[in-house]
Amino acid sequence: MAGLSGFAGNFGWGSKSAGYVFWSGGEEAMGAAANYALATGGKTLEMTMGGKIMTTLDPFLSRSISNDIWKSLSMNFAYGARGSVNAFQNVYFKRPSFRFFW
């Protein structure tokens, strides 16, 4: 879906704050990452404009479309990271996977 990367590239992922915070592994990891980002002035993908829009649209999209958009958003967010980053991963959520963009 070539158009999705263009869509994702136009939503300003840039975290001009203290840093990028990544997560993988379900609600537990997402919550820990969000709390850390809020406490330190960082940002998770969901805190960007693109992430906020996608969080709103996600329930109304098919899983295949939603996954493609989230992958593109995640890739753009990761490409914008500079310096130190933080990552939260819940390895008990499912078998750990390092196939993702960060």
PDB file of N, CA and C in Angstrom:
ATOM      1  N   MET A   1       0.838  -1.170   0.000  1.00  0.00           N
ATOM      2  CA  MET A   1       0.000   0.000   0.000  1.00  0.00           C
ATOM      3  C   MET A   1       0.892   1.244   0.000  1.00  0.00           C
ATOM      4  N   ALA A   2       1.289   1.647  -1.142  1.00  0.00           N
ATOM      5  CA  ALA A   2       2.219   2.755  -1.275  1.00  0.00           C
ATOM      6  C   ALA A   2       1.673   4.043  -0.689  1.00  0.00           C
ATOM      7  N   GLY A   3       0.384   4.254  -0.785  1.00  0.00           N
ATOM      8  CA  GLY A   3      -0.199   5.489  -0.294  1.00  0.00           C
ATOM      9  C   GLY A   3      -0.132   5.635   1.211  1.00  0.00           C
ATOM     10  N   LEU A   4      -0.052   4.517   1.934  1.00  0.00           N
ATOM     11  CA  LEU A   4      -0.040   4.598   3.385  1.00  0.00           C
ATOM     12  C   LEU A   4       1.224   5.241   3.917  1.00  0.00           C
ATOM     13  N   SER A   5       2.364   4.964   3.300  1.00  0.00           N
ATOM     14  CA  SER A   5       3.587   5.582   3.802  1.00  0.00           C
ATOM     15  C   SER A   5       3.543   7.087   3.574  1.00  0.00           C
ATOM     16  N   GLY A   6       2.929   7.511   2.483  1.00  0.00           N
ATOM     17  CA  GLY A   6       2.751   8.941   2.254  1.00  0.00           C
ATOM     18  C   GLY A   6       1.822   9.540   3.290  1.00  0.00           C
ATOM     19  N   PHE A   7       0.763   8.823   3.601  1.00  0.00           N
ATOM     20  CA  PHE A   7      -0.181   9.253   4.632  1.00  0.00           C
ATOM     21  C   PHE A   7       0.543   9.401   5.960  1.00  0.00           C
ATOM     22  N   ALA A   8       1.300   8.391   6.323  1.00  0.00           N
ATOM     23  CA  ALA A   8       1.981   8.397   7.614  1.00  0.00           C
ATOM     24  C   ALA A   8       3.084   9.435   7.666  1.00  0.00           C
ATOM     25  N   GLY A   9       3.687   9.743   6.545  1.00  0.00           N
ATOM     26  CA  GLY A   9       4.793  10.675   6.530  1.00  0.00           C
ATOM     27  C   GLY A   9       4.393  12.128   6.728  1.00  0.00           C
ATOM     28  N   ASN A  10       3.112  12.409   6.743  1.00  0.00           N
ATOM     29  CA  ASN A  10       2.657  13.798   6.812  1.00  0.00           C
ATOM     30  C   ASN A  10       2.076  14.204   8.164  1.00  0.00           C
ATOM     31  N   PHE A  11       2.313  13.432   9.186  1.00  0.00           N
ATOM     32  CA  PHE A  11       1.667  13.720  10.463  1.00  0.00           C
ATOM     33  C   PHE A  11       2.624  14.092  11.575  1.00  0.00           C
ATOM     34  N   GLY A  12       3.788  14.570  11.279  1.00  0.00           N
ATOM     35  CA  GLY A  12       4.692  15.133  12.261  1.00  0.00           C
ATOM     36  C   GLY A  12       4.942  14.312  13.493  1.00  0.00           C
ATOM     37  N   TRP A  13       5.705  13.275  13.372  1.00  0.00           N
ATOM     38  CA  TRP A  13       5.975  12.383  14.515  1.00  0.00           C
ATOM     39  C   TRP A  13       6.896  13.029  15.488  1.00  0.00           C
ATOM     40  N   GLY A  14       7.655  13.968  15.023  1.00  0.00           N
ATOM     41  CA  GLY A  14       8.755  14.506  15.789  1.00  0.00           C
ATOM     42  C   GLY A  14       8.426  14.770  17.228  1.00  0.00           C
ATOM     43  N   SER A  15       9.204  14.167  18.078  1.00  0.00           N
ATOM     44  CA  SER A  15       9.110  14.434  19.495  1.00  0.00           C
ATOM     45  C   SER A  15      10.190  15.444  19.820  1.00  0.00           C
ATOM     46  N   LYS A  16       9.801  16.693  20.000  1.00  0.00           N
ATOM     47  CA  LYS A  16      10.780  17.721  20.331  1.00  0.00           C
ATOM     48  C   LYS A  16      10.989  17.756  21.837  1.00  0.00           C
ATOM     49  N   SER A  17      10.537  16.720  22.493  1.00  0.00           N
ATOM     50  CA  SER A  17      10.631  16.645  23.943  1.00  0.00           C
ATOM     51  C   SER A  17      11.894  15.890  24.343  1.00  0.00           C
ATOM     52  N   ALA A  18      11.902  15.368  25.542  1.00  0.00           N
ATOM     53  CA  ALA A  18      13.090  14.733  26.104  1.00  0.00           C
ATOM     54  C   ALA A  18      13.485  13.455  25.380  1.00  0.00           C
ATOM     55  N   GLY A  19      12.587  12.809  24.670  1.00  0.00           N
ATOM     56  CA  GLY A  19      12.993  11.610  23.981  1.00  0.00           C
ATOM     57  C   GLY A  19      11.845  10.754  23.503  1.00  0.00           C
ATOM     58  N   TYR A  20      12.224   9.811  22.704  1.00  0.00           N
ATOM     59  CA  TYR A  20      11.272   8.869  22.152  1.00  0.00           C
ATOM     60  C   TYR A  20      11.165   7.672  23.078  1.00  0.00           C
ATOM     61  N   VAL A  21       9.943   7.211  23.282  1.00  0.00           N
ATOM     62  CA  VAL A  21       9.700   6.053  24.130  1.00  0.00           C
ATOM     63  C   VAL A  21       8.939   5.032  23.298  1.00  0.00           C
ATOM     64  N   PHE A  22       9.515   3.851  23.164  1.00  0.00           N
ATOM     65  CA  PHE A  22       8.936   2.773  22.366  1.00  0.00           C
ATOM     66  C   PHE A  22       8.401   1.690  23.292  1.00  0.00           C
ATOM     67  N   TRP A  23       7.444   0.926  22.780  1.00  0.00           N
ATOM     68  CA  TRP A  23       6.907  -0.177  23.567  1.00  0.00           C
ATOM     69  C   TRP A  23       6.451  -1.301  22.639  1.00  0.00           C
ATOM     70  N   SER A  24       6.372  -2.500  23.198  1.00  0.00           N
ATOM     71  CA  SER A  24       5.820  -3.656  22.504  1.00  0.00           C
ATOM     72  C   SER A  24       5.391  -4.655  23.563  1.00  0.00           C
ATOM     73  N   GLY A  25       4.225  -5.255  23.377  1.00  0.00           N
ATOM     74  CA  GLY A  25       3.820  -6.292  24.316  1.00  0.00           C
ATOM     75  C   GLY A  25       2.528  -6.031  25.048  1.00  0.00           C
ATOM     76  N   GLY A  26       1.589  -5.386  24.418  1.00  0.00           N
ATOM     77  CA  GLY A  26       0.260  -5.255  24.991  1.00  0.00           C
ATOM     78  C   GLY A  26       0.075  -4.053  25.899  1.00  0.00           C
ATOM     79  N   GLU A  27      -1.085  -4.056  26.544  1.00  0.00           N
ATOM     80  CA  GLU A  27      -1.516  -2.924  27.366  1.00  0.00           C
ATOM     81  C   GLU A  27      -0.535  -2.602  28.494  1.00  0.00           C
ATOM     82  N   GLU A  28       0.051  -3.628  29.090  1.00  0.00           N
ATOM     83  CA  GLU A  28       0.975  -3.410  30.202  1.00  0.00           C
ATOM     84  C   GLU A  28       2.197  -2.601  29.761  1.00  0.00           C
ATOM     85  N   ALA A  29       2.800  -3.008  28.666  1.00  0.00           N
ATOM     86  CA  ALA A  29       3.975  -2.290  28.148  1.00  0.00           C
ATOM     87  C   ALA A  29       3.580  -0.901  27.661  1.00  0.00           C
ATOM     88  N   MET A  30       2.428  -0.794  27.000  1.00  0.00           N
ATOM     89  CA  MET A  30       1.968   0.506  26.507  1.00  0.00           C
ATOM     90  C   MET A  30       1.750   1.471  27.672  1.00  0.00           C
ATOM     91  N   GLY A  31       1.115   0.999  28.732  1.00  0.00           N
ATOM     92  CA  GLY A  31       0.875   1.841  29.899  1.00  0.00           C
ATOM     93  C   GLY A  31       2.164   2.281  30.575  1.00  0.00           C
ATOM     94  N   ALA A  32       3.105   1.358  30.726  1.00  0.00           N
ATOM     95  CA  ALA A  32       4.391   1.690  31.353  1.00  0.00           C
ATOM     96  C   ALA A  32       5.139   2.727  30.520  1.00  0.00           C
ATOM     97  N   ALA A  33       5.133   2.554  29.203  1.00  0.00           N
ATOM     98  CA  ALA A  33       5.819   3.494  28.314  1.00  0.00           C
ATOM     99  C   ALA A  33       5.161   4.870  28.372  1.00  0.00           C
ATOM    100  N   ALA A  34       3.838   4.901  28.362  1.00  0.00           N
ATOM    101  CA  ALA A  34       3.117   6.180  28.415  1.00  0.00           C
ATOM    102  C   ALA A  34       3.386   6.901  29.731  1.00  0.00           C
ATOM    103  N   ASN A  35       3.350   6.170  30.832  1.00  0.00           N
ATOM    104  CA  ASN A  35       3.620   6.781  32.135  1.00  0.00           C
ATOM    105  C   ASN A  35       5.035   7.336  32.196  1.00  0.00           C
ATOM    106  N   TYR A  36       5.993   6.575  31.666  1.00  0.00           N
ATOM    107  CA  TYR A  36       7.385   7.028  31.655  1.00  0.00           C
ATOM    108  C   TYR A  36       7.530   8.288  30.791  1.00  0.00           C
ATOM    109  N   ALA A  37       6.902   8.261  29.613  1.00  0.00           N
ATOM    110  CA  ALA A  37       6.980   9.415  28.716  1.00  0.00           C
ATOM    111  C   ALA A  37       6.391  10.659  29.374  1.00  0.00           C
ATOM    112  N   LEU A  38       5.255  10.518  30.011  1.00  0.00           N
ATOM    113  CA  LEU A  38       4.631  11.664  30.683  1.00  0.00           C
ATOM    114  C   LEU A  38       5.508  12.187  31.817  1.00  0.00           C
ATOM    115  N   ALA A  39       6.142  11.282  32.550  1.00  0.00           N
ATOM    116  CA  ALA A  39       6.967  11.681  33.685  1.00  0.00           C
ATOM    117  C   ALA A  39       8.273  12.352  33.262  1.00  0.00           C
ATOM    118  N   THR A  40       8.743  12.041  32.056  1.00  0.00           N
ATOM    119  CA  THR A  40      10.057  12.537  31.636  1.00  0.00           C
ATOM    120  C   THR A  40       9.992  13.558  30.503  1.00  0.00           C
ATOM    121  N   GLY A  41       8.809  13.862  30.035  1.00  0.00           N
ATOM    122  CA  GLY A  41       8.677  14.805  28.926  1.00  0.00           C
ATOM    123  C   GLY A  41       8.924  14.174  27.574  1.00  0.00           C
ATOM    124  N   GLY A  42       8.872  12.852  27.506  1.00  0.00           N
ATOM    125  CA  GLY A  42       9.061  12.142  26.246  1.00  0.00           C
ATOM    126  C   GLY A  42       7.748  11.928  25.525  1.00  0.00           C
ATOM    127  N   LYS A  43       7.805  11.145  24.450  1.00  0.00           N
ATOM    128  CA  LYS A  43       6.605  10.838  23.670  1.00  0.00           C
ATOM    129  C   LYS A  43       6.633   9.396  23.204  1.00  0.00           C
ATOM    130  N   THR A  44       5.463   8.779  23.246  1.00  0.00           N
ATOM    131  CA  THR A  44       5.254   7.503  22.567  1.00  0.00           C
ATOM    132  C   THR A  44       4.596   7.826  21.221  1.00  0.00           C
ATOM    133  N   LEU A  45       4.550   6.859  20.350  1.00  0.00           N
ATOM    134  CA  LEU A  45       3.898   7.056  19.055  1.00  0.00           C
ATOM    135  C   LEU A  45       2.462   7.535  19.233  1.00  0.00           C
ATOM    136  N   GLU A  46       1.767   6.974  20.205  1.00  0.00           N
ATOM    137  CA  GLU A  46       0.359   7.321  20.417  1.00  0.00           C
ATOM    138  C   GLU A  46       0.166   8.767  20.866  1.00  0.00           C
ATOM    139  N   MET A  47       1.224   9.416  21.328  1.00  0.00           N
ATOM    140  CA  MET A  47       1.141  10.806  21.782  1.00  0.00           C
ATOM    141  C   MET A  47       1.388  11.812  20.666  1.00  0.00           C
ATOM    142  N   THR A  48       1.769  11.336  19.487  1.00  0.00           N
ATOM    143  CA  THR A  48       1.982  12.226  18.345  1.00  0.00           C
ATOM    144  C   THR A  48       0.639  12.516  17.688  1.00  0.00           C
ATOM    145  N   MET A  49       0.598  13.509  16.833  1.00  0.00           N
ATOM    146  CA  MET A  49      -0.644  13.820  16.125  1.00  0.00           C
ATOM    147  C   MET A  49      -1.123  12.614  15.317  1.00  0.00           C
ATOM    148  N   GLY A  50      -0.208  11.986  14.579  1.00  0.00           N
ATOM    149  CA  GLY A  50      -0.572  10.817  13.789  1.00  0.00           C
ATOM    150  C   GLY A  50      -1.084   9.678  14.649  1.00  0.00           C
ATOM    151  N   GLY A  51      -0.436   9.456  15.797  1.00  0.00           N
ATOM    152  CA  GLY A  51      -0.863   8.404  16.714  1.00  0.00           C
ATOM    153  C   GLY A  51      -2.231   8.670  17.303  1.00  0.00           C
ATOM    154  N   LYS A  52      -2.502   9.934  17.638  1.00  0.00           N
ATOM    155  CA  LYS A  52      -3.812  10.297  18.186  1.00  0.00           C
ATOM    156  C   LYS A  52      -4.913  10.092  17.148  1.00  0.00           C
ATOM    157  N   ILE A  53      -4.633  10.484  15.916  1.00  0.00           N
ATOM    158  CA  ILE A  53      -5.616  10.295  14.848  1.00  0.00           C
ATOM    159  C   ILE A  53      -5.870   8.809  14.619  1.00  0.00           C
ATOM    160  N   MET A  54      -4.789   8.035  14.558  1.00  0.00           N
ATOM    161  CA  MET A  54      -4.946   6.609  14.294  1.00  0.00           C
ATOM    162  C   MET A  54      -5.638   5.886  15.445  1.00  0.00           C
ATOM    163  N   THR A  55      -5.367   6.290  16.673  1.00  0.00           N
ATOM    164  CA  THR A  55      -6.045   5.689  17.822  1.00  0.00           C
ATOM    165  C   THR A  55      -7.550   5.895  17.715  1.00  0.00           C
ATOM    166  N   THR A  56      -7.956   7.060  17.210  1.00  0.00           N
ATOM    167  CA  THR A  56      -9.378   7.356  17.027  1.00  0.00           C
ATOM    168  C   THR A  56      -9.977   6.545  15.883  1.00  0.00           C
ATOM    169  N   LEU A  57      -9.233   6.425  14.774  1.00  0.00           N
ATOM    170  CA  LEU A  57      -9.749   5.725  13.591  1.00  0.00           C
ATOM    171  C   LEU A  57      -9.674   4.204  13.682  1.00  0.00           C
ATOM    172  N   ASP A  58      -8.732   3.704  14.442  1.00  0.00           N
ATOM    173  CA  ASP A  58      -8.439   2.263  14.490  1.00  0.00           C
ATOM    174  C   ASP A  58      -9.668   1.366  14.667  1.00  0.00           C
ATOM    175  N   PRO A  59     -10.588   1.677  15.577  1.00  0.00           N
ATOM    176  CA  PRO A  59     -11.740   0.782  15.754  1.00  0.00           C
ATOM    177  C   PRO A  59     -12.646   0.673  14.520  1.00  0.00           C
ATOM    178  N   PHE A  60     -12.526   1.607  13.597  1.00  0.00           N
ATOM    179  CA  PHE A  60     -13.401   1.626  12.430  1.00  0.00           C
ATOM    180  C   PHE A  60     -12.753   1.050  11.172  1.00  0.00           C
ATOM    181  N   LEU A  61     -11.497   0.624  11.285  1.00  0.00           N
ATOM    182  CA  LEU A  61     -10.756   0.099  10.133  1.00  0.00           C
ATOM    183  C   LEU A  61     -10.605  -1.410  10.222  1.00  0.00           C
ATOM    184  N   SER A  62     -10.458  -2.030   9.067  1.00  0.00           N
ATOM    185  CA  SER A  62     -10.183  -3.468   9.086  1.00  0.00           C
ATOM    186  C   SER A  62      -8.796  -3.684   9.674  1.00  0.00           C
ATOM    187  N   ARG A  63      -8.552  -4.843  10.220  1.00  0.00           N
ATOM    188  CA  ARG A  63      -7.270  -5.151  10.855  1.00  0.00           C
ATOM    189  C   ARG A  63      -6.126  -5.021   9.859  1.00  0.00           C
ATOM    190  N   SER A  64      -6.313  -5.459   8.622  1.00  0.00           N
ATOM    191  CA  SER A  64      -5.217  -5.391   7.649  1.00  0.00           C
ATOM    192  C   SER A  64      -4.848  -3.938   7.327  1.00  0.00           C
ATOM    193  N   ILE A  65      -5.832  -3.082   7.175  1.00  0.00           N
ATOM    194  CA  ILE A  65      -5.556  -1.668   6.903  1.00  0.00           C
ATOM    195  C   ILE A  65      -4.939  -1.015   8.139  1.00  0.00           C
ATOM    196  N   SER A  66      -5.523  -1.285   9.286  1.00  0.00           N
ATOM    197  CA  SER A  66      -5.019  -0.726  10.534  1.00  0.00           C
ATOM    198  C   SER A  66      -3.557  -1.120  10.771  1.00  0.00           C
ATOM    199  N   ASN A  67      -3.237  -2.392  10.587  1.00  0.00           N
ATOM    200  CA  ASN A  67      -1.859  -2.856  10.793  1.00  0.00           C
ATOM    201  C   ASN A  67      -0.886  -2.150   9.859  1.00  0.00           C
ATOM    202  N   ASP A  68      -1.264  -1.995   8.600  1.00  0.00           N
ATOM    203  CA  ASP A  68      -0.385  -1.317   7.642  1.00  0.00           C
ATOM    204  C   ASP A  68      -0.127   0.133   8.048  1.00  0.00           C
ATOM    205  N   ILE A  69      -1.158   0.802   8.491  1.00  0.00           N
ATOM    206  CA  ILE A  69      -0.991   2.205   8.893  1.00  0.00           C
ATOM    207  C   ILE A  69      -0.126   2.303  10.148  1.00  0.00           C
ATOM    208  N   TRP A  70      -0.405   1.455  11.152  1.00  0.00           N
ATOM    209  CA  TRP A  70       0.407   1.486  12.375  1.00  0.00           C
ATOM    210  C   TRP A  70       1.873   1.180  12.072  1.00  0.00           C
ATOM    211  N   LYS A  71       2.127   0.240  11.177  1.00  0.00           N
ATOM    212  CA  LYS A  71       3.515  -0.083  10.809  1.00  0.00           C
ATOM    213  C   LYS A  71       4.203   1.126  10.188  1.00  0.00           C
ATOM    214  N   SER A  72       3.506   1.811   9.314  1.00  0.00           N
ATOM    215  CA  SER A  72       4.072   2.978   8.669  1.00  0.00           C
ATOM    216  C   SER A  72       4.305   4.110   9.678  1.00  0.00           C
ATOM    217  N   LEU A  73       3.341   4.331  10.559  1.00  0.00           N
ATOM    218  CA  LEU A  73       3.498   5.347  11.594  1.00  0.00           C
ATOM    219  C   LEU A  73       4.695   5.017  12.491  1.00  0.00           C
ATOM    220  N   SER A  74       4.789   3.750  12.877  1.00  0.00           N
ATOM    221  CA  SER A  74       5.873   3.314  13.753  1.00  0.00           C
ATOM    222  C   SER A  74       7.234   3.491  13.086  1.00  0.00           C
ATOM    223  N   MET A  75       7.315   3.146  11.826  1.00  0.00           N
ATOM    224  CA  MET A  75       8.565   3.283  11.098  1.00  0.00           C
ATOM    225  C   MET A  75       8.986   4.754  11.023  1.00  0.00           C
ATOM    226  N   ASN A  76       8.066   5.633  10.700  1.00  0.00           N
ATOM    227  CA  ASN A  76       8.369   7.064  10.634  1.00  0.00           C
ATOM    228  C   ASN A  76       8.761   7.623  11.999  1.00  0.00           C
ATOM    229  N   PHE A  77       8.086   7.192  13.032  1.00  0.00           N
ATOM    230  CA  PHE A  77       8.416   7.622  14.392  1.00  0.00           C
ATOM    231  C   PHE A  77       9.837   7.173  14.751  1.00  0.00           C
ATOM    232  N   ALA A  78      10.154   5.925  14.468  1.00  0.00           N
ATOM    233  CA  ALA A  78      11.485   5.394  14.781  1.00  0.00           C
ATOM    234  C   ALA A  78      12.576   6.098  13.976  1.00  0.00           C
ATOM    235  N   TYR A  79      12.304   6.382  12.711  1.00  0.00           N
ATOM    236  CA  TYR A  79      13.299   7.071  11.880  1.00  0.00           C
ATOM    237  C   TYR A  79      13.609   8.476  12.398  1.00  0.00           C
ATOM    238  N   GLY A  80      12.677   9.070  13.102  1.00  0.00           N
ATOM    239  CA  GLY A  80      12.891  10.409  13.622  1.00  0.00           C
ATOM    240  C   GLY A  80      13.656  10.451  14.938  1.00  0.00           C
ATOM    241  N   ALA A  81      13.862   9.295  15.548  1.00  0.00           N
ATOM    242  CA  ALA A  81      14.535   9.253  16.850  1.00  0.00           C
ATOM    243  C   ALA A  81      16.004   9.636  16.719  1.00  0.00           C
ATOM    244  N   ARG A  82      16.468  10.428  17.648  1.00  0.00           N
ATOM    245  CA  ARG A  82      17.872  10.843  17.712  1.00  0.00           C
ATOM    246  C   ARG A  82      18.316  10.760  19.161  1.00  0.00           C
ATOM    247  N   GLY A  83      19.557  10.429  19.377  1.00  0.00           N
ATOM    248  CA  GLY A  83      20.074  10.371  20.738  1.00  0.00           C
ATOM    249  C   GLY A  83      19.526   9.176  21.495  1.00  0.00           C
ATOM    250  N   SER A  84      19.344   9.337  22.770  1.00  0.00           N
ATOM    251  CA  SER A  84      18.871   8.248  23.624  1.00  0.00           C
ATOM    252  C   SER A  84      17.380   8.007  23.445  1.00  0.00           C
ATOM    253  N   VAL A  85      17.002   6.753  23.494  1.00  0.00           N
ATOM    254  CA  VAL A  85      15.594   6.368  23.467  1.00  0.00           C
ATOM    255  C   VAL A  85      15.366   5.376  24.604  1.00  0.00           C
ATOM    256  N   ASN A  86      14.119   5.165  24.939  1.00  0.00           N
ATOM    257  CA  ASN A  86      13.754   4.177  25.950  1.00  0.00           C
ATOM    258  C   ASN A  86      12.734   3.233  25.342  1.00  0.00           C
ATOM    259  N   ALA A  87      12.804   1.964  25.750  1.00  0.00           N
ATOM    260  CA  ALA A  87      11.875   0.964  25.215  1.00  0.00           C
ATOM    261  C   ALA A  87      11.361   0.086  26.345  1.00  0.00           C
ATOM    262  N   PHE A  88      10.085  -0.227  26.274  1.00  0.00           N
ATOM    263  CA  PHE A  88       9.440  -1.113  27.230  1.00  0.00           C
ATOM    264  C   PHE A  88       8.903  -2.307  26.460  1.00  0.00           C
ATOM    265  N   GLN A  89       9.258  -3.513  26.889  1.00  0.00           N
ATOM    266  CA  GLN A  89       8.781  -4.709  26.212  1.00  0.00           C
ATOM    267  C   GLN A  89       8.316  -5.713  27.248  1.00  0.00           C
ATOM    268  N   ASN A  90       7.116  -6.183  27.072  1.00  0.00           N
ATOM    269  CA  ASN A  90       6.552  -7.217  27.930  1.00  0.00           C
ATOM    270  C   ASN A  90       6.790  -8.552  27.236  1.00  0.00           C
ATOM    271  N   VAL A  91       7.816  -9.257  27.639  1.00  0.00           N
ATOM    272  CA  VAL A  91       8.166 -10.508  26.957  1.00  0.00           C
ATOM    273  C   VAL A  91       7.192 -11.630  27.276  1.00  0.00           C
ATOM    274  N   TYR A  92       6.340 -11.461  28.296  1.00  0.00           N
ATOM    275  CA  TYR A  92       5.365 -12.489  28.628  1.00  0.00           C
ATOM    276  C   TYR A  92       4.060 -12.334  27.875  1.00  0.00           C
ATOM    277  N   PHE A  93       3.911 -11.239  27.149  1.00  0.00           N
ATOM    278  CA  PHE A  93       2.692 -10.993  26.377  1.00  0.00           C
ATOM    279  C   PHE A  93       2.515 -12.067  25.319  1.00  0.00           C
ATOM    280  N   LYS A  94       3.551 -12.345  24.589  1.00  0.00           N
ATOM    281  CA  LYS A  94       3.602 -13.401  23.597  1.00  0.00           C
ATOM    282  C   LYS A  94       5.065 -13.639  23.297  1.00  0.00           C
ATOM    283  N   ARG A  95       5.347 -14.556  22.460  1.00  0.00           N
ATOM    284  CA  ARG A  95       6.736 -14.817  22.130  1.00  0.00           C
ATOM    285  C   ARG A  95       7.380 -13.521  21.645  1.00  0.00           C
ATOM    286  N   PRO A  96       8.502 -13.142  22.237  1.00  0.00           N
ATOM    287  CA  PRO A  96       9.136 -11.880  21.827  1.00  0.00           C
ATOM    288  C   PRO A  96       9.445 -11.861  20.333  1.00  0.00           C
ATOM    289  N   SER A  97       9.214 -10.740  19.736  1.00  0.00           N
ATOM    290  CA  SER A  97       9.494 -10.585  18.321  1.00  0.00           C
ATOM    291  C   SER A  97      10.303  -9.326  18.111  1.00  0.00           C
ATOM    292  N   PHE A  98      11.351  -9.439  17.344  1.00  0.00           N
ATOM    293  CA  PHE A  98      12.182  -8.293  17.037  1.00  0.00           C
ATOM    294  C   PHE A  98      12.044  -7.936  15.556  1.00  0.00           C
ATOM    295  N   ARG A  99      10.884  -8.274  14.971  1.00  0.00           N
ATOM    296  CA  ARG A  99      10.609  -7.981  13.567  1.00  0.00           C
ATOM    297  C   ARG A  99      10.153  -6.549  13.364  1.00  0.00           C
ATOM    298  N   PHE A 100       9.894  -5.842  14.427  1.00  0.00           N
ATOM    299  CA  PHE A 100       9.309  -4.521  14.307  1.00  0.00           C
ATOM    300  C   PHE A 100      10.357  -3.473  14.055  1.00  0.00           C
ATOM    301  N   PHE A 101       9.946  -2.255  13.844  1.00  0.00           N
ATOM    302  CA  PHE A 101      10.804  -1.210  13.340  1.00  0.00           C
ATOM    303  C   PHE A 101      11.808  -0.665  14.321  1.00  0.00           C
ATOM    304  N   TRP A 102      11.596  -0.804  15.571  1.00  0.00           N
ATOM    305  CA  TRP A 102      12.548  -0.279  16.532  1.00  0.00           C
ATOM    306  C   TRP A 102      13.326  -1.414  17.098  1.00  0.00           C
TER     307      TRP A 102
END
